[in-house]
Amino acid sequence: MSYLRTPLAAAACLISPPLLAEEVGKIGVDWVGNDIVIEAIADPKVEGVTCHVAYFERGLLDRLSKGNWFEDPSNASLACRQTGPITLGDIDRSEDGEDVFRQSRSIILKSLRVKRLYDEANQTLIYVAHAAELTDGSAKVSISTVPLYQPD
């Protein structure tokens, strides 16, 4: 499902904060204010699964000294785990999957996304963090899986 089908939806992505993410930590990496931010994301359609995403956030001094003021890097790391009994809701079971989380990384339609895919043959949920840009794709990707089998 694409949230950018209309100009109004695209504008909403630029101004709305992430609704499902909760910041759980911030690590300062240098003296100019750059940080690594760690957020917890509960999957809204799969109860019992939480993903943690870590990404780089540029500080004000870095933005002023290097230009490119309105953009953060798209790199992210992702780990998803079972954090309670898993209950699958009405999830998209197509090979395209569906967005679980989206956060703007620039003023011009660059976003960090976490997408969920369902591997039915292996009874596994696959979560992929990747960058999405209006014109240029990115090879920066992180993946995590959550098995759905019940241990004996």
N, C-alpha and C. Protein backbone atom coordinates (compact mmCIF):
# COMPACT_ATOMS: atom_id res chain seq x y z
N MET A 1 0.84 -1.15 0.00
CA MET A 1 0.00 0.00 0.00
C MET A 1 0.89 1.22 0.00
N SER A 2 0.65 2.18 -0.87
CA SER A 2 1.46 3.39 -0.93
C SER A 2 0.71 4.54 -0.28
N TYR A 3 1.41 5.25 0.61
CA TYR A 3 0.81 6.41 1.26
C TYR A 3 1.02 7.67 0.44
N LEU A 4 1.78 7.59 -0.65
CA LEU A 4 2.09 8.77 -1.44
C LEU A 4 1.29 8.83 -2.72
N ARG A 5 0.05 8.40 -2.68
CA ARG A 5 -0.76 8.39 -3.89
C ARG A 5 -1.34 9.75 -4.21
N THR A 6 -1.42 10.62 -3.24
CA THR A 6 -1.96 11.95 -3.48
C THR A 6 -0.99 12.98 -2.95
N PRO A 7 -1.01 14.21 -3.51
CA PRO A 7 -0.14 15.26 -2.98
C PRO A 7 -0.43 15.56 -1.51
N LEU A 8 -1.68 15.47 -1.11
CA LEU A 8 -2.04 15.73 0.29
C LEU A 8 -1.41 14.69 1.21
N ALA A 9 -1.44 13.43 0.80
CA ALA A 9 -0.82 12.38 1.61
C ALA A 9 0.69 12.57 1.68
N ALA A 10 1.30 12.97 0.57
CA ALA A 10 2.74 13.23 0.57
C ALA A 10 3.09 14.37 1.52
N ALA A 11 2.30 15.42 1.51
CA ALA A 11 2.54 16.54 2.42
C ALA A 11 2.37 16.11 3.87
N ALA A 12 1.40 15.27 4.15
CA ALA A 12 1.18 14.80 5.52
C ALA A 12 2.38 14.01 6.02
N CYS A 13 3.03 13.26 5.14
CA CYS A 13 4.22 12.50 5.55
C CYS A 13 5.36 13.43 5.95
N LEU A 14 5.41 14.60 5.34
CA LEU A 14 6.48 15.54 5.66
C LEU A 14 6.29 16.21 7.00
N ILE A 15 5.05 16.43 7.42
CA ILE A 15 4.83 17.21 8.63
C ILE A 15 4.39 16.38 9.82
N SER A 16 3.96 15.14 9.60
CA SER A 16 3.47 14.37 10.73
C SER A 16 4.60 13.58 11.39
N PRO A 17 4.60 13.52 12.71
CA PRO A 17 5.62 12.74 13.40
C PRO A 17 5.31 11.25 13.27
N PRO A 18 6.31 10.39 13.48
CA PRO A 18 6.03 8.96 13.44
C PRO A 18 5.05 8.60 14.55
N LEU A 19 3.98 7.92 14.22
CA LEU A 19 2.94 7.64 15.19
C LEU A 19 3.22 6.41 16.02
N LEU A 20 4.02 5.50 15.52
CA LEU A 20 4.19 4.22 16.19
C LEU A 20 5.54 4.06 16.87
N ALA A 21 6.43 5.03 16.75
CA ALA A 21 7.77 4.89 17.30
C ALA A 21 7.88 5.60 18.65
N GLU A 22 8.63 4.96 19.54
CA GLU A 22 8.89 5.55 20.85
C GLU A 22 10.40 5.55 21.04
N GLU A 23 10.98 6.73 21.23
CA GLU A 23 12.42 6.82 21.44
C GLU A 23 12.78 6.15 22.76
N VAL A 24 13.73 5.22 22.70
CA VAL A 24 14.16 4.52 23.92
C VAL A 24 15.61 4.82 24.26
N GLY A 25 16.32 5.50 23.38
CA GLY A 25 17.69 5.86 23.67
C GLY A 25 18.27 6.79 22.63
N LYS A 26 19.31 7.52 23.04
CA LYS A 26 20.02 8.42 22.13
C LYS A 26 21.48 8.41 22.56
N ILE A 27 22.38 8.12 21.62
CA ILE A 27 23.80 8.02 21.90
C ILE A 27 24.53 9.13 21.16
N GLY A 28 25.18 10.00 21.90
CA GLY A 28 25.98 11.06 21.27
C GLY A 28 27.25 10.45 20.69
N VAL A 29 27.57 10.77 19.44
CA VAL A 29 28.73 10.15 18.79
C VAL A 29 29.88 11.11 18.56
N ASP A 30 29.66 12.42 18.72
CA ASP A 30 30.75 13.37 18.55
C ASP A 30 30.40 14.70 19.21
N TRP A 31 31.31 15.66 19.15
CA TRP A 31 31.10 16.94 19.84
C TRP A 31 30.23 17.91 19.06
N VAL A 32 29.89 17.62 17.81
CA VAL A 32 29.06 18.55 17.02
C VAL A 32 27.57 18.23 17.11
N GLY A 33 27.20 17.29 17.98
CA GLY A 33 25.78 17.04 18.23
C GLY A 33 25.15 15.93 17.41
N ASN A 34 25.95 15.16 16.67
CA ASN A 34 25.39 14.03 15.94
C ASN A 34 25.06 12.90 16.92
N ASP A 35 23.94 12.23 16.67
CA ASP A 35 23.47 11.19 17.58
C ASP A 35 23.04 9.95 16.82
N ILE A 36 23.06 8.82 17.51
CA ILE A 36 22.38 7.62 17.05
C ILE A 36 21.12 7.52 17.90
N VAL A 37 19.97 7.47 17.25
CA VAL A 37 18.68 7.40 17.93
C VAL A 37 18.15 5.97 17.82
N ILE A 38 17.65 5.45 18.93
CA ILE A 38 17.07 4.11 18.95
C ILE A 38 15.60 4.25 19.31
N GLU A 39 14.73 3.69 18.46
CA GLU A 39 13.29 3.77 18.68
C GLU A 39 12.68 2.38 18.68
N ALA A 40 11.65 2.21 19.51
CA ALA A 40 10.88 0.97 19.53
C ALA A 40 9.64 1.18 18.68
N ILE A 41 9.33 0.18 17.85
CA ILE A 41 8.17 0.26 16.97
C ILE A 41 7.34 -0.99 17.18
N ALA A 42 6.14 -0.82 17.68
CA ALA A 42 5.22 -1.95 17.82
C ALA A 42 4.51 -2.14 16.49
N ASP A 43 4.49 -3.36 15.99
CA ASP A 43 3.79 -3.64 14.74
C ASP A 43 2.29 -3.49 15.00
N PRO A 44 1.61 -2.57 14.31
CA PRO A 44 0.20 -2.31 14.61
C PRO A 44 -0.75 -3.46 14.23
N LYS A 45 -0.30 -4.38 13.37
CA LYS A 45 -1.16 -5.48 12.94
C LYS A 45 -0.71 -6.84 13.45
N VAL A 46 0.41 -6.88 14.17
CA VAL A 46 0.90 -8.14 14.72
C VAL A 46 1.20 -7.91 16.20
N GLU A 47 0.26 -8.29 17.03
CA GLU A 47 0.46 -8.14 18.46
C GLU A 47 1.57 -9.08 18.91
N GLY A 48 2.45 -8.59 19.79
CA GLY A 48 3.52 -9.43 20.32
C GLY A 48 4.84 -9.31 19.60
N VAL A 49 4.95 -8.38 18.63
CA VAL A 49 6.21 -8.15 17.93
C VAL A 49 6.60 -6.69 18.09
N THR A 50 7.85 -6.48 18.50
CA THR A 50 8.40 -5.12 18.61
C THR A 50 9.69 -5.07 17.81
N CYS A 51 9.86 -4.01 17.03
CA CYS A 51 11.10 -3.78 16.29
C CYS A 51 11.82 -2.61 16.93
N HIS A 52 13.14 -2.68 16.94
CA HIS A 52 13.96 -1.56 17.36
C HIS A 52 14.77 -1.12 16.15
N VAL A 53 14.70 0.16 15.85
CA VAL A 53 15.43 0.70 14.72
C VAL A 53 16.40 1.75 15.27
N ALA A 54 17.63 1.72 14.76
CA ALA A 54 18.65 2.70 15.13
C ALA A 54 19.03 3.46 13.87
N TYR A 55 19.12 4.79 13.99
CA TYR A 55 19.49 5.61 12.84
C TYR A 55 20.30 6.81 13.29
N PHE A 56 20.98 7.42 12.35
CA PHE A 56 21.86 8.56 12.59
C PHE A 56 21.07 9.84 12.43
N GLU A 57 21.22 10.76 13.38
CA GLU A 57 20.56 12.06 13.32
C GLU A 57 21.64 13.14 13.41
N ARG A 58 21.71 13.96 12.37
CA ARG A 58 22.73 15.00 12.31
C ARG A 58 22.40 16.14 13.26
N GLY A 59 23.42 16.68 13.92
CA GLY A 59 23.27 17.82 14.81
C GLY A 59 23.31 19.13 14.06
N LEU A 60 22.95 20.20 14.74
CA LEU A 60 22.89 21.53 14.13
C LEU A 60 24.27 21.98 13.62
N LEU A 61 25.32 21.79 14.40
CA LEU A 61 26.66 22.21 13.95
C LEU A 61 27.09 21.45 12.71
N ASP A 62 26.79 20.17 12.63
CA ASP A 62 27.11 19.38 11.45
C ASP A 62 26.35 19.90 10.24
N ARG A 63 25.09 20.21 10.43
CA ARG A 63 24.27 20.73 9.32
C ARG A 63 24.83 22.06 8.81
N LEU A 64 25.20 22.95 9.73
CA LEU A 64 25.72 24.27 9.35
C LEU A 64 27.08 24.16 8.68
N SER A 65 27.93 23.27 9.16
CA SER A 65 29.28 23.18 8.61
C SER A 65 29.35 22.44 7.28
N LYS A 66 28.45 21.50 7.05
CA LYS A 66 28.53 20.68 5.84
C LYS A 66 27.44 20.98 4.82
N GLY A 67 26.53 21.89 5.13
CA GLY A 67 25.42 22.14 4.22
C GLY A 67 24.42 21.01 4.27
N ASN A 68 23.61 20.88 3.24
CA ASN A 68 22.59 19.83 3.18
C ASN A 68 21.78 19.83 4.48
N TRP A 69 21.26 21.01 4.82
CA TRP A 69 20.63 21.29 6.11
C TRP A 69 19.39 20.48 6.40
N PHE A 70 18.66 20.10 5.37
CA PHE A 70 17.33 19.52 5.57
C PHE A 70 17.28 18.01 5.37
N GLU A 71 18.41 17.34 5.57
CA GLU A 71 18.43 15.91 5.27
C GLU A 71 19.31 15.16 6.26
N ASP A 72 18.83 13.98 6.68
CA ASP A 72 19.62 13.07 7.50
C ASP A 72 19.96 11.85 6.66
N PRO A 73 21.03 11.13 6.99
CA PRO A 73 21.35 9.91 6.25
C PRO A 73 20.21 8.89 6.36
N SER A 74 20.15 8.00 5.39
CA SER A 74 19.09 7.00 5.34
C SER A 74 19.47 5.68 5.99
N ASN A 75 20.71 5.55 6.42
CA ASN A 75 21.17 4.30 7.02
C ASN A 75 20.35 3.97 8.26
N ALA A 76 20.08 2.70 8.46
CA ALA A 76 19.37 2.27 9.67
C ALA A 76 19.73 0.82 9.95
N SER A 77 19.62 0.46 11.21
CA SER A 77 19.78 -0.93 11.62
C SER A 77 18.48 -1.35 12.28
N LEU A 78 18.10 -2.61 12.11
CA LEU A 78 16.80 -3.08 12.55
C LEU A 78 16.92 -4.43 13.25
N ALA A 79 16.21 -4.58 14.36
CA ALA A 79 16.10 -5.87 15.04
C ALA A 79 14.65 -6.01 15.51
N CYS A 80 14.01 -7.11 15.18
CA CYS A 80 12.62 -7.37 15.58
C CYS A 80 12.57 -8.67 16.36
N ARG A 81 11.77 -8.66 17.43
CA ARG A 81 11.68 -9.84 18.28
C ARG A 81 10.25 -10.03 18.78
N GLN A 82 9.97 -11.25 19.16
CA GLN A 82 8.71 -11.55 19.82
C GLN A 82 8.81 -10.99 21.24
N THR A 83 7.83 -10.16 21.63
CA THR A 83 7.84 -9.56 22.96
C THR A 83 6.58 -9.92 23.75
N GLY A 84 5.83 -10.88 23.23
CA GLY A 84 4.62 -11.37 23.87
C GLY A 84 3.99 -12.41 22.97
N PRO A 85 2.82 -12.94 23.36
CA PRO A 85 2.13 -13.88 22.47
C PRO A 85 1.82 -13.21 21.13
N ILE A 86 2.14 -13.89 20.03
CA ILE A 86 1.94 -13.30 18.70
C ILE A 86 0.53 -13.58 18.21
N THR A 87 -0.13 -12.51 17.79
CA THR A 87 -1.45 -12.60 17.18
C THR A 87 -1.40 -11.85 15.86
N LEU A 88 -1.56 -12.58 14.75
CA LEU A 88 -1.57 -11.94 13.43
C LEU A 88 -2.91 -11.28 13.20
N GLY A 89 -2.88 -10.01 12.85
CA GLY A 89 -4.09 -9.31 12.47
C GLY A 89 -4.30 -9.48 10.97
N ASP A 90 -4.99 -8.53 10.38
CA ASP A 90 -5.27 -8.54 8.94
C ASP A 90 -4.06 -7.97 8.21
N ILE A 91 -3.01 -8.78 8.07
CA ILE A 91 -1.78 -8.31 7.43
C ILE A 91 -1.83 -8.56 5.93
N ASP A 92 -1.06 -7.76 5.21
CA ASP A 92 -0.90 -7.93 3.77
C ASP A 92 -0.02 -9.16 3.55
N ARG A 93 -0.51 -10.14 2.83
CA ARG A 93 0.25 -11.37 2.60
C ARG A 93 0.85 -11.43 1.20
N SER A 94 0.82 -10.32 0.48
CA SER A 94 1.41 -10.29 -0.86
C SER A 94 2.93 -10.22 -0.75
N GLU A 95 3.61 -10.49 -1.86
CA GLU A 95 5.07 -10.46 -1.83
C GLU A 95 5.62 -9.05 -1.71
N ASP A 96 4.78 -8.02 -1.91
CA ASP A 96 5.20 -6.63 -1.72
C ASP A 96 5.17 -6.23 -0.25
N GLY A 97 4.40 -6.94 0.57
CA GLY A 97 4.29 -6.62 1.98
C GLY A 97 3.61 -5.27 2.21
N GLU A 98 3.82 -4.73 3.41
CA GLU A 98 3.22 -3.43 3.72
C GLU A 98 4.08 -2.65 4.70
N ASP A 99 3.95 -1.33 4.65
CA ASP A 99 4.68 -0.46 5.56
C ASP A 99 4.17 -0.62 6.98
N VAL A 100 5.09 -0.73 7.93
CA VAL A 100 4.77 -0.76 9.34
C VAL A 100 5.09 0.59 9.95
N PHE A 101 6.10 1.26 9.40
CA PHE A 101 6.60 2.52 9.94
C PHE A 101 7.21 3.33 8.81
N ARG A 102 7.06 4.64 8.89
CA ARG A 102 7.68 5.54 7.93
C ARG A 102 8.04 6.83 8.65
N GLN A 103 9.28 7.30 8.42
CA GLN A 103 9.73 8.54 9.04
C GLN A 103 10.46 9.37 7.99
N SER A 104 10.11 10.63 7.87
CA SER A 104 10.76 11.53 6.93
C SER A 104 12.21 11.74 7.33
N ARG A 105 13.11 11.70 6.34
CA ARG A 105 14.53 11.93 6.59
C ARG A 105 15.03 13.18 5.88
N SER A 106 14.14 13.87 5.16
CA SER A 106 14.51 15.12 4.51
C SER A 106 13.24 15.92 4.25
N ILE A 107 13.43 17.12 3.81
CA ILE A 107 12.29 17.97 3.49
C ILE A 107 11.70 17.61 2.13
N ILE A 108 12.46 16.85 1.32
CA ILE A 108 12.00 16.54 -0.05
C ILE A 108 11.82 15.04 -0.24
N LEU A 109 10.77 14.48 0.31
CA LEU A 109 10.31 13.11 0.06
C LEU A 109 11.37 12.02 0.15
N LYS A 110 12.21 12.07 1.14
CA LYS A 110 13.12 10.98 1.43
C LYS A 110 12.67 10.42 2.77
N SER A 111 12.48 9.10 2.83
CA SER A 111 11.98 8.54 4.09
C SER A 111 12.69 7.25 4.44
N LEU A 112 12.67 6.97 5.73
CA LEU A 112 13.13 5.70 6.25
C LEU A 112 11.88 4.87 6.50
N ARG A 113 11.85 3.66 5.98
CA ARG A 113 10.66 2.82 6.10
C ARG A 113 11.02 1.47 6.70
N VAL A 114 10.06 0.93 7.44
CA VAL A 114 10.14 -0.45 7.88
C VAL A 114 8.94 -1.14 7.26
N LYS A 115 9.21 -2.19 6.50
CA LYS A 115 8.18 -2.92 5.78
C LYS A 115 8.11 -4.35 6.31
N ARG A 116 6.91 -4.90 6.40
CA ARG A 116 6.71 -6.28 6.84
C ARG A 116 6.28 -7.14 5.66
N LEU A 117 6.91 -8.31 5.53
CA LEU A 117 6.51 -9.30 4.55
C LEU A 117 6.23 -10.60 5.30
N TYR A 118 5.38 -11.42 4.75
CA TYR A 118 5.00 -12.68 5.38
C TYR A 118 5.50 -13.83 4.52
N ASP A 119 6.38 -14.65 5.09
CA ASP A 119 6.89 -15.84 4.42
C ASP A 119 6.07 -17.01 4.94
N GLU A 120 4.98 -17.32 4.24
CA GLU A 120 4.05 -18.34 4.71
C GLU A 120 4.68 -19.73 4.73
N ALA A 121 5.48 -20.05 3.71
CA ALA A 121 6.10 -21.38 3.63
C ALA A 121 6.99 -21.66 4.85
N ASN A 122 7.64 -20.65 5.37
CA ASN A 122 8.54 -20.82 6.50
C ASN A 122 7.97 -20.27 7.81
N GLN A 123 6.69 -19.87 7.78
CA GLN A 123 6.03 -19.34 8.97
C GLN A 123 6.90 -18.30 9.68
N THR A 124 7.26 -17.25 8.91
CA THR A 124 8.15 -16.21 9.41
C THR A 124 7.69 -14.85 8.94
N LEU A 125 7.76 -13.88 9.82
CA LEU A 125 7.57 -12.48 9.46
C LEU A 125 8.94 -11.89 9.15
N ILE A 126 9.03 -11.15 8.07
CA ILE A 126 10.28 -10.53 7.66
C ILE A 126 10.08 -9.02 7.74
N TYR A 127 10.97 -8.34 8.43
CA TYR A 127 10.93 -6.88 8.53
C TYR A 127 12.16 -6.33 7.84
N VAL A 128 11.97 -5.32 6.99
CA VAL A 128 13.05 -4.73 6.21
C VAL A 128 13.04 -3.22 6.44
N ALA A 129 14.18 -2.67 6.87
CA ALA A 129 14.34 -1.22 6.96
C ALA A 129 15.08 -0.78 5.72
N HIS A 130 14.55 0.25 5.04
CA HIS A 130 15.20 0.75 3.83
C HIS A 130 14.85 2.21 3.62
N ALA A 131 15.64 2.86 2.78
CA ALA A 131 15.37 4.24 2.42
C ALA A 131 14.52 4.27 1.17
N ALA A 132 13.65 5.24 1.10
CA ALA A 132 12.86 5.46 -0.11
C ALA A 132 13.02 6.93 -0.49
N GLU A 133 13.36 7.15 -1.73
CA GLU A 133 13.54 8.51 -2.22
C GLU A 133 12.73 8.70 -3.48
N LEU A 134 12.43 9.94 -3.79
CA LEU A 134 11.59 10.24 -4.94
C LEU A 134 12.24 9.80 -6.24
N THR A 135 13.56 10.04 -6.39
CA THR A 135 14.20 9.74 -7.67
C THR A 135 15.25 8.64 -7.59
N ASP A 136 15.99 8.55 -6.50
CA ASP A 136 17.09 7.59 -6.41
C ASP A 136 16.78 6.51 -5.39
N GLY A 137 16.90 5.27 -5.81
CA GLY A 137 16.77 4.18 -4.86
C GLY A 137 18.05 4.07 -4.05
N SER A 138 18.02 3.28 -3.01
CA SER A 138 19.19 3.12 -2.16
C SER A 138 19.42 1.65 -1.87
N ALA A 139 20.66 1.25 -1.81
CA ALA A 139 21.01 -0.13 -1.48
C ALA A 139 21.16 -0.32 0.03
N LYS A 140 20.98 0.73 0.81
CA LYS A 140 21.12 0.64 2.26
C LYS A 140 19.89 -0.07 2.82
N VAL A 141 20.11 -1.25 3.40
CA VAL A 141 18.99 -2.07 3.85
C VAL A 141 19.40 -2.85 5.10
N SER A 142 18.44 -3.10 5.96
CA SER A 142 18.64 -3.94 7.13
C SER A 142 17.43 -4.86 7.23
N ILE A 143 17.65 -6.10 7.68
CA ILE A 143 16.57 -7.08 7.71
C ILE A 143 16.55 -7.80 9.07
N SER A 144 15.37 -8.17 9.50
CA SER A 144 15.20 -8.95 10.73
C SER A 144 14.00 -9.86 10.53
N THR A 145 14.03 -11.04 11.16
CA THR A 145 12.92 -11.97 11.02
C THR A 145 12.39 -12.41 12.38
N VAL A 146 11.11 -12.77 12.40
CA VAL A 146 10.46 -13.27 13.60
C VAL A 146 9.74 -14.56 13.22
N PRO A 147 10.19 -15.71 13.75
CA PRO A 147 9.51 -16.97 13.44
C PRO A 147 8.15 -17.06 14.14
N LEU A 148 7.20 -17.71 13.49
CA LEU A 148 5.84 -17.83 14.05
C LEU A 148 5.55 -19.21 14.60
N TYR A 149 6.50 -20.11 14.56
CA TYR A 149 6.26 -21.48 15.06
C TYR A 149 6.14 -21.45 16.58
N GLN A 150 5.41 -22.40 17.05
CA GLN A 150 5.25 -22.54 18.50
C GLN A 150 6.15 -23.65 18.99
N PRO A 151 7.08 -23.36 19.93
CA PRO A 151 7.97 -24.41 20.42
C PRO A 151 7.19 -25.48 21.19
N ASP A 152 7.70 -26.70 21.14
CA ASP A 152 7.03 -27.83 21.84
C ASP A 152 7.31 -27.80 23.32
